[in-house]
């Protein structure tokens, strides 16, 4: 994931896990210094706002705010391809 952020400076990637009941995801995100935003919280509107049907999710957001892709898990090459599409 760090490679993607080094390569593409003008993309937003979110990790969404609203079922994190014990705060583990948020704690891990801080301790691992993840280079992307992690949205957590069962009581938030995250699931509805991003139209999430399966968890956890990785969301790529275009510059204009439109969601370009949402995947459960993405390896580096498919992620890079999705980010390139989002930047077009």
Protein backbone atom coordinates (compact mmCIF):
# COMPACT_ATOMS: atom_id res chain seq x y z
CA UNK A 1 0.00 0.00 0.00
CA UNK A 2 2.85 2.38 0.76
CA UNK A 3 4.07 1.92 -2.84
CA UNK A 4 0.70 3.15 -4.14
CA UNK A 5 0.88 6.29 -2.00
CA UNK A 6 4.43 6.98 -3.14
CA UNK A 7 3.45 6.53 -6.79
CA UNK A 8 0.09 8.35 -6.77
CA UNK A 9 0.05 11.47 -4.61
CA UNK A 10 -3.37 12.75 -5.69
CA UNK A 11 -5.64 9.83 -4.89
CA UNK A 12 -7.74 9.08 -1.84
CA UNK A 13 -7.94 5.54 -0.54
CA UNK A 14 -10.12 4.61 2.41
CA UNK A 15 -10.32 1.43 4.41
CA UNK A 16 -13.77 0.84 5.83
CA UNK A 17 -14.52 -1.47 8.75
CA UNK A 18 -17.59 -0.27 10.66
CA UNK A 19 -17.98 -3.52 12.60
CA UNK A 20 -14.85 -2.97 14.70
CA UNK A 21 -16.50 -3.33 18.09
CA UNK A 22 -13.36 -3.32 20.23
CA UNK A 23 -11.41 -0.53 18.52
CA UNK A 24 -8.73 -2.93 17.29
CA UNK A 25 -8.77 -1.67 13.70
CA UNK A 26 -8.37 1.96 14.73
CA UNK A 27 -5.63 1.03 17.18
CA UNK A 28 -3.77 -1.03 14.56
CA UNK A 29 -4.09 1.78 12.00
CA UNK A 30 -2.36 4.15 14.41
CA UNK A 31 0.35 1.74 15.52
CA UNK A 32 1.20 0.68 11.95
CA UNK A 33 1.01 4.32 10.77
CA UNK A 34 -1.16 3.39 7.80
CA UNK A 35 -0.88 5.96 5.00
CA UNK A 36 -4.63 6.01 4.36
CA UNK A 37 -7.79 6.82 6.26
CA UNK A 38 -9.48 4.00 8.16
CA UNK A 39 -13.17 4.55 8.85
CA UNK A 40 -14.55 2.52 11.75
CA UNK A 41 -17.65 2.48 13.92
CA UNK A 42 -20.81 0.44 13.78
CA UNK A 43 -23.00 3.42 14.71
CA UNK A 44 -21.67 5.65 11.94
CA UNK A 45 -23.26 6.14 8.52
CA UNK A 46 -20.19 4.69 6.77
CA UNK A 47 -21.93 1.58 5.41
CA UNK A 48 -24.80 3.56 3.92
CA UNK A 49 -22.70 6.48 2.66
CA UNK A 50 -20.26 4.27 0.75
CA UNK A 51 -22.86 1.62 -0.18
CA UNK A 52 -20.85 -1.16 1.47
CA UNK A 53 -22.29 -4.67 1.28
CA UNK A 54 -19.30 -6.76 2.43
CA UNK A 55 -16.64 -5.92 4.98
CA UNK A 56 -13.89 -4.86 5.32
CA UNK A 57 -13.63 -2.73 2.15
CA UNK A 58 -11.02 -0.67 0.39
CA UNK A 59 -12.46 2.35 -1.46
CA UNK A 60 -10.73 4.41 -4.15
CA UNK A 61 -12.19 7.89 -4.57
CA UNK A 62 -11.67 9.99 -7.72
CA UNK A 63 -10.53 13.62 -7.51
CA UNK A 64 -14.14 14.75 -8.03
CA UNK A 65 -15.33 12.71 -5.05
CA UNK A 66 -16.89 9.88 -7.06
CA UNK A 67 -16.12 6.35 -5.89
CA UNK A 68 -13.99 4.70 -8.58
CA UNK A 69 -13.70 1.24 -7.03
CA UNK A 70 -14.53 -0.68 -3.92
CA UNK A 71 -13.03 -4.08 -3.25
CA UNK A 72 -12.79 -6.47 -0.33
CA UNK A 73 -9.08 -7.08 -0.78
CA UNK A 74 -6.76 -5.86 -3.52
CA UNK A 75 -3.25 -6.95 -4.34
CA UNK A 76 -0.74 -4.34 -5.50
CA UNK A 77 -1.08 -4.68 -9.30
CA UNK A 78 -4.91 -4.66 -9.40
CA UNK A 79 -4.89 -1.76 -6.93
CA UNK A 80 -2.45 0.18 -9.12
CA UNK A 81 -4.69 -0.45 -12.16
CA UNK A 82 -7.78 0.80 -10.29
CA UNK A 83 -5.95 3.93 -9.12
CA UNK A 84 -4.80 4.69 -12.69
CA UNK A 85 -8.41 4.40 -13.87
CA UNK A 86 -9.57 6.70 -11.09
CA UNK A 87 -7.09 9.37 -12.11
CA UNK A 88 -8.27 9.52 -15.73
